[in-house]
Amino acid sequence: MRLAELQAAFQAHMLSGSDAILPHIQSTPTLDNTARMAIYRNAYYARLRQVLQVDFPAVTTWLADDAAPVFEAYIAQHPSQSFTLRFFGQSFAEFLTQQEVCQRQPWLPDLARFEWAFCDAFDAPDYPLVGLADMAQVPPEQWPTLRLAWHPSVQCLASRFNIAALWRKPKLETGEAISETIPETIPETIFEATPEAIPDAATQPLPTEICCLIWRGHDLSSHFRSLAADEALALQLMKRGGNFAELCEAILPFHDAETVAFRAAALLKTWLQDGLLTELQVGN
């Protein structure tokens, strides 16, 4: 058997349990060829389970005893298709929507999307950022036409569940420090900072969606914060290519006509300070 055929037979054993490779594996006094191959196969699937646990730590905690069978089912339905395991979990959130466990814990797919967004933010391409000094160079008469180019790591996820609190629960239980901005428009009770209180508070659907902004910060780690309603609307509009004048009009229902432009400028300043923007475009 040629090398390529041996490699294919080895892979077939890893993925499906095919015995075609076994005649080419020597037994030892302590382990026969089947047992020797089982070591590799078990290690391979253990590594896949570990990847899911690392990429989805909060989901793993909430799944509890269901984690093992859910992971096994995902691995069976979505075998690794790449030389890298970086993207192995990319279908996990959608997979969860089809699982019986989500009838009891319907927030799990959104929580998985939230955790996967952290992975995407961390690995997003690098781009030079613009800052406050660049904003100061925009002529006043061109502000209405101002459009923004966003860093590839920037994502905005909406959910009817308080995904941020659900994600925080395992970290609170282990005493891990968490830093998050809570907008004044979101009740503090939603973010009860004790792990015992979080299940009752956060597992119930919210009256309206909460949007979470996720991005890679200046320190090259993934960050998130929950958005007030006007900022969520503004950010989504500007990511679709809206301009500053349209931003002011969109958030006008939230503010007085005299203050809306100041609020819009304050949002832009925050986005610049957070490191979300790569270009300020005017004149179009």
Protein backbone atom coordinates (compact mmCIF):
# COMPACT_ATOMS: atom_id res chain seq x y z
CA MET A 1 0.00 0.00 0.00
CA ARG A 2 1.35 3.40 -1.00
CA LEU A 3 1.77 6.25 1.48
CA ALA A 4 -1.27 8.14 0.22
CA GLU A 5 -3.38 4.99 0.55
CA LEU A 6 -2.09 4.37 4.07
CA GLN A 7 -2.93 7.95 5.01
CA ALA A 8 -6.43 7.61 3.55
CA ALA A 9 -7.00 4.34 5.41
CA PHE A 10 -5.74 5.89 8.65
CA GLN A 11 -8.10 8.85 8.20
CA ALA A 12 -11.02 6.51 7.43
CA HIS A 13 -10.37 4.68 10.69
CA MET A 14 -10.31 7.98 12.61
CA LEU A 15 -13.54 9.26 11.07
CA SER A 16 -15.64 6.14 10.58
CA GLY A 17 -13.92 3.23 12.31
CA SER A 18 -12.94 1.51 9.05
CA ASP A 19 -10.70 -1.53 9.66
CA ALA A 20 -8.77 -1.19 6.38
CA ILE A 21 -5.70 0.15 8.17
CA LEU A 22 -5.50 -2.58 10.81
CA PRO A 23 -3.54 -5.17 8.77
CA HIS A 24 -0.81 -2.55 8.36
CA ILE A 25 -0.49 -1.84 12.10
CA GLN A 26 1.76 -4.14 14.11
CA SER A 27 0.59 -5.55 17.42
CA THR A 28 2.87 -5.50 20.46
CA PRO A 29 3.14 -7.89 23.40
CA THR A 30 0.92 -5.59 25.45
CA LEU A 31 -1.40 -4.04 22.82
CA ASP A 32 -2.87 -5.51 19.66
CA ASN A 33 -3.30 -3.39 16.54
CA THR A 34 -6.94 -2.57 17.35
CA ALA A 35 -6.05 -1.25 20.79
CA ARG A 36 -3.14 0.77 19.41
CA MET A 37 -5.38 2.47 16.84
CA ALA A 38 -8.03 3.06 19.50
CA ILE A 39 -5.53 5.24 21.36
CA TYR A 40 -5.26 7.55 18.36
CA ARG A 41 -8.98 7.51 17.61
CA ASN A 42 -9.95 8.26 21.21
CA ALA A 43 -7.39 11.05 21.38
CA TYR A 44 -8.72 12.56 18.15
CA TYR A 45 -12.30 12.73 19.41
CA ALA A 46 -11.18 13.91 22.83
CA ARG A 47 -9.43 16.81 21.08
CA LEU A 48 -12.59 17.70 19.15
CA ARG A 49 -14.61 17.73 22.37
CA GLN A 50 -11.95 19.89 23.99
CA VAL A 51 -12.17 22.40 21.14
CA LEU A 52 -15.91 22.79 21.70
CA GLN A 53 -15.40 23.19 25.44
CA VAL A 54 -12.76 25.88 24.90
CA ASP A 55 -14.71 27.80 22.25
CA PHE A 56 -18.05 27.52 24.09
CA PRO A 57 -17.24 27.51 27.82
CA ALA A 58 -20.51 29.06 28.99
CA VAL A 59 -22.59 26.81 26.76
CA THR A 60 -20.69 23.84 28.16
CA THR A 61 -21.50 24.93 31.72
CA TRP A 62 -25.19 25.40 30.99
CA LEU A 63 -25.40 22.06 29.17
CA ALA A 64 -23.97 20.31 32.23
CA ASP A 65 -24.63 16.55 31.86
CA ASP A 66 -26.03 17.11 28.36
CA ALA A 67 -22.68 18.45 27.11
CA ALA A 68 -21.12 15.08 26.30
CA PRO A 69 -23.99 13.68 24.17
CA VAL A 70 -24.52 17.06 22.45
CA PHE A 71 -20.83 17.27 21.57
CA GLU A 72 -20.81 13.68 20.31
CA ALA A 73 -23.82 14.38 18.08
CA TYR A 74 -22.21 17.54 16.69
CA ILE A 75 -18.95 15.75 15.94
CA ALA A 76 -20.87 13.01 14.12
CA GLN A 77 -22.92 15.46 12.04
CA HIS A 78 -20.16 18.02 11.43
CA PRO A 79 -16.82 16.23 11.11
CA SER A 80 -13.78 18.46 10.85
CA GLN A 81 -13.21 19.53 7.25
CA SER A 82 -9.98 21.49 7.66
CA PHE A 83 -6.37 21.05 8.73
CA THR A 84 -7.09 23.61 11.46
CA LEU A 85 -9.61 23.30 14.28
CA ARG A 86 -10.18 27.06 14.36
CA PHE A 87 -13.46 26.78 12.44
CA PHE A 88 -14.64 23.44 13.78
CA GLY A 89 -17.37 25.05 15.90
CA GLN A 90 -18.71 27.42 13.27
CA SER A 91 -21.95 25.44 12.84
CA PHE A 92 -22.48 24.70 16.52
CA ALA A 93 -25.00 27.48 17.22
CA GLU A 94 -27.22 26.44 14.33
CA PHE A 95 -26.82 22.79 15.32
CA LEU A 96 -28.10 23.61 18.82
CA THR A 97 -31.39 24.94 17.42
CA GLN A 98 -32.21 21.38 16.38
CA GLN A 99 -31.44 19.77 19.75
CA GLU A 100 -34.04 18.70 22.29
CA VAL A 101 -32.10 20.37 25.09
CA CYS A 102 -32.98 23.77 23.59
CA GLN A 103 -36.63 23.16 24.37
CA ARG A 104 -35.61 23.45 28.02
CA GLN A 105 -32.87 26.04 27.47
CA PRO A 106 -33.94 28.07 24.42
CA TRP A 107 -31.19 30.66 24.93
CA LEU A 108 -28.36 28.22 24.15
CA PRO A 109 -28.09 28.95 20.39
CA ASP A 110 -27.81 32.70 21.04
CA LEU A 111 -25.25 32.06 23.77
CA ALA A 112 -23.25 29.92 21.33
CA ARG A 113 -23.38 32.71 18.72
CA PHE A 114 -22.15 35.12 21.38
CA GLU A 115 -19.17 32.94 22.26
CA TRP A 116 -18.37 32.22 18.62
CA ALA A 117 -18.37 35.98 17.97
CA PHE A 118 -15.53 36.24 20.49
CA CYS A 119 -13.52 33.74 18.43
CA ASP A 120 -14.21 35.67 15.22
CA ALA A 121 -13.32 38.99 16.85
CA PHE A 122 -10.03 37.64 18.16
CA ASP A 123 -9.01 36.27 14.75
CA ALA A 124 -10.27 39.17 12.61
CA PRO A 125 -7.75 40.79 10.21
CA ASP A 126 -5.73 43.74 11.41
CA TYR A 127 -6.56 47.20 10.06
CA PRO A 128 -5.19 50.64 11.02
CA LEU A 129 -7.63 52.49 13.26
CA VAL A 130 -8.73 56.12 13.16
CA GLY A 131 -9.05 58.16 16.34
CA LEU A 132 -10.27 61.43 17.80
CA ALA A 133 -7.61 63.42 15.98
CA ASP A 134 -9.04 62.21 12.66
CA MET A 135 -12.54 63.22 13.73
CA ALA A 136 -11.27 66.71 14.51
CA GLN A 137 -10.09 67.04 10.90
CA VAL A 138 -13.59 66.60 9.43
CA PRO A 139 -14.85 70.02 8.22
CA PRO A 140 -18.16 70.99 9.92
CA GLU A 141 -19.96 71.36 6.61
CA GLN A 142 -19.14 67.75 5.71
CA TRP A 143 -20.43 66.14 8.89
CA PRO A 144 -23.88 65.35 7.42
CA THR A 145 -22.24 63.19 4.73
CA LEU A 146 -19.89 61.39 7.14
CA ARG A 147 -19.83 57.61 6.75
CA LEU A 148 -17.81 55.06 8.69
CA ALA A 149 -15.66 52.05 7.84
CA TRP A 150 -15.65 49.45 10.59
CA HIS A 151 -12.97 47.15 11.89
CA PRO A 152 -13.64 43.56 10.72
CA SER A 153 -13.91 42.37 14.33
CA VAL A 154 -16.98 44.53 15.06
CA GLN A 155 -20.19 42.52 15.47
CA CYS A 156 -23.59 43.32 16.92
CA LEU A 157 -25.68 40.39 18.16
CA ALA A 158 -29.32 40.77 19.17
CA SER A 159 -31.24 38.41 21.46
CA ARG A 160 -34.49 38.31 23.41
CA PHE A 161 -32.51 36.69 26.22
CA ASN A 162 -29.96 38.38 28.43
CA ILE A 163 -27.04 36.57 26.85
CA ALA A 164 -24.48 38.72 28.64
CA ALA A 165 -25.75 37.61 32.05
CA LEU A 166 -25.96 33.97 30.96
CA TRP A 167 -22.36 34.17 29.79
CA ARG A 168 -21.27 35.79 33.04
CA LYS A 169 -22.66 33.06 35.29
CA PRO A 170 -19.79 30.53 34.96
CA LYS A 171 -17.24 33.30 35.41
CA LEU A 172 -18.95 34.57 38.55
CA GLU A 173 -18.96 31.06 39.96
CA THR A 174 -15.20 30.80 39.48
CA GLY A 175 -14.50 34.33 40.69
CA GLU A 176 -13.12 35.49 37.34
CA ALA A 177 -13.08 39.27 36.94
CA ILE A 178 -15.52 40.69 34.38
CA SER A 179 -15.69 44.21 33.01
CA GLU A 180 -18.84 45.28 31.21
CA THR A 181 -20.62 48.57 30.58
CA ILE A 182 -24.33 48.44 31.41
CA PRO A 183 -26.35 51.17 29.67
CA GLU A 184 -28.63 53.24 31.88
CA THR A 185 -31.61 52.24 29.75
CA ILE A 186 -31.25 48.57 30.78
CA PRO A 187 -32.52 47.70 34.28
CA GLU A 188 -29.75 46.76 36.70
CA THR A 189 -31.86 43.83 37.95
CA ILE A 190 -31.26 42.11 34.61
CA PHE A 191 -27.55 42.02 35.43
CA GLU A 192 -27.79 40.65 38.99
CA ALA A 193 -24.17 39.87 39.81
CA THR A 194 -24.57 36.63 41.74
CA PRO A 195 -24.52 33.23 40.05
CA GLU A 196 -27.43 32.02 42.18
CA ALA A 197 -29.70 34.82 40.98
CA ILE A 198 -28.76 34.76 37.32
CA PRO A 199 -30.77 31.68 36.23
CA ASP A 200 -34.08 33.14 37.44
CA ALA A 201 -33.36 36.60 36.05
CA ALA A 202 -31.70 35.82 32.74
CA THR A 203 -33.37 32.68 31.45
CA GLN A 204 -36.68 34.45 30.88
CA PRO A 205 -37.35 36.23 27.57
CA LEU A 206 -36.94 39.98 27.73
CA PRO A 207 -39.66 42.45 26.66
CA THR A 208 -37.39 43.69 23.86
CA GLU A 209 -34.14 42.55 22.28
CA ILE A 210 -30.81 43.51 23.78
CA CYS A 211 -27.91 44.07 21.40
CA CYS A 212 -24.37 43.20 22.41
CA LEU A 213 -21.42 44.81 20.68
CA ILE A 214 -18.38 42.54 20.32
CA TRP A 215 -14.99 43.62 19.01
CA ARG A 216 -11.26 43.20 19.43
CA GLY A 217 -9.90 46.00 21.57
CA HIS A 218 -6.65 47.93 21.60
CA ASP A 219 -5.22 45.27 23.92
CA LEU A 220 -5.88 42.64 21.19
CA SER A 221 -8.40 40.73 23.32
CA SER A 222 -12.11 40.36 22.62
CA HIS A 223 -14.44 42.80 24.35
CA PHE A 224 -18.18 43.26 24.60
CA ARG A 225 -20.70 45.66 26.00
CA SER A 226 -24.48 45.79 25.95
CA LEU A 227 -25.93 48.63 23.90
CA ALA A 228 -28.64 51.10 24.78
CA ALA A 229 -31.47 51.09 22.27
CA ASP A 230 -30.43 54.28 20.48
CA GLU A 231 -26.81 53.14 20.10
CA ALA A 232 -27.88 49.73 18.79
CA LEU A 233 -30.04 51.41 16.15
CA ALA A 234 -27.30 53.91 15.29
CA LEU A 235 -24.57 51.30 14.99
CA GLN A 236 -26.62 49.02 12.76
CA LEU A 237 -27.56 51.95 10.50
CA MET A 238 -23.95 53.12 10.17
CA LYS A 239 -22.69 49.59 9.51
CA ARG A 240 -25.18 49.43 6.61
CA GLY A 241 -23.56 52.55 5.12
CA GLY A 242 -25.73 55.29 6.60
CA ASN A 243 -24.35 58.79 7.07
CA PHE A 244 -24.25 61.12 10.08
CA ALA A 245 -27.40 63.01 9.05
CA GLU A 246 -29.32 59.73 8.80
CA LEU A 247 -27.91 58.70 12.19
CA CYS A 248 -29.29 61.87 13.80
CA GLU A 249 -32.68 61.30 12.21
CA ALA A 250 -32.76 57.64 13.31
CA ILE A 251 -32.13 58.38 17.00
CA LEU A 252 -34.33 61.50 17.12
CA PRO A 253 -37.22 59.56 18.77
CA PHE A 254 -34.90 58.94 21.75
CA HIS A 255 -33.76 62.55 22.24
CA ASP A 256 -34.75 66.19 22.00
CA ALA A 257 -34.10 67.90 18.69
CA GLU A 258 -31.66 70.24 20.45
CA THR A 259 -29.51 67.40 21.82
CA VAL A 260 -29.68 64.69 19.15
CA ALA A 261 -26.60 65.90 17.25
CA PHE A 262 -24.58 65.94 20.47
CA ARG A 263 -25.68 62.39 21.26
CA ALA A 264 -24.74 61.26 17.74
CA ALA A 265 -21.32 62.90 18.09
CA ALA A 266 -20.87 61.28 21.51
CA LEU A 267 -21.58 57.86 19.97
CA LEU A 268 -19.00 58.50 17.27
CA LYS A 269 -16.48 59.53 19.93
CA THR A 270 -17.14 56.33 21.88
CA TRP A 271 -16.70 54.17 18.78
CA LEU A 272 -13.41 55.89 18.02
CA GLN A 273 -12.14 55.47 21.58
CA ASP A 274 -13.13 51.81 21.59
CA GLY A 275 -11.16 51.19 18.41
CA LEU A 276 -14.08 50.23 16.17
CA LEU A 277 -13.40 52.41 13.12
CA THR A 278 -10.85 52.21 10.32
CA GLU A 279 -11.90 55.17 8.18
CA LEU A 280 -13.99 58.37 8.24
CA GLN A 281 -15.45 58.93 4.77
CA VAL A 282 -16.96 62.29 3.74
CA GLY A 283 -18.34 63.84 0.61
CA ASN A 284 -20.43 60.93 -0.71
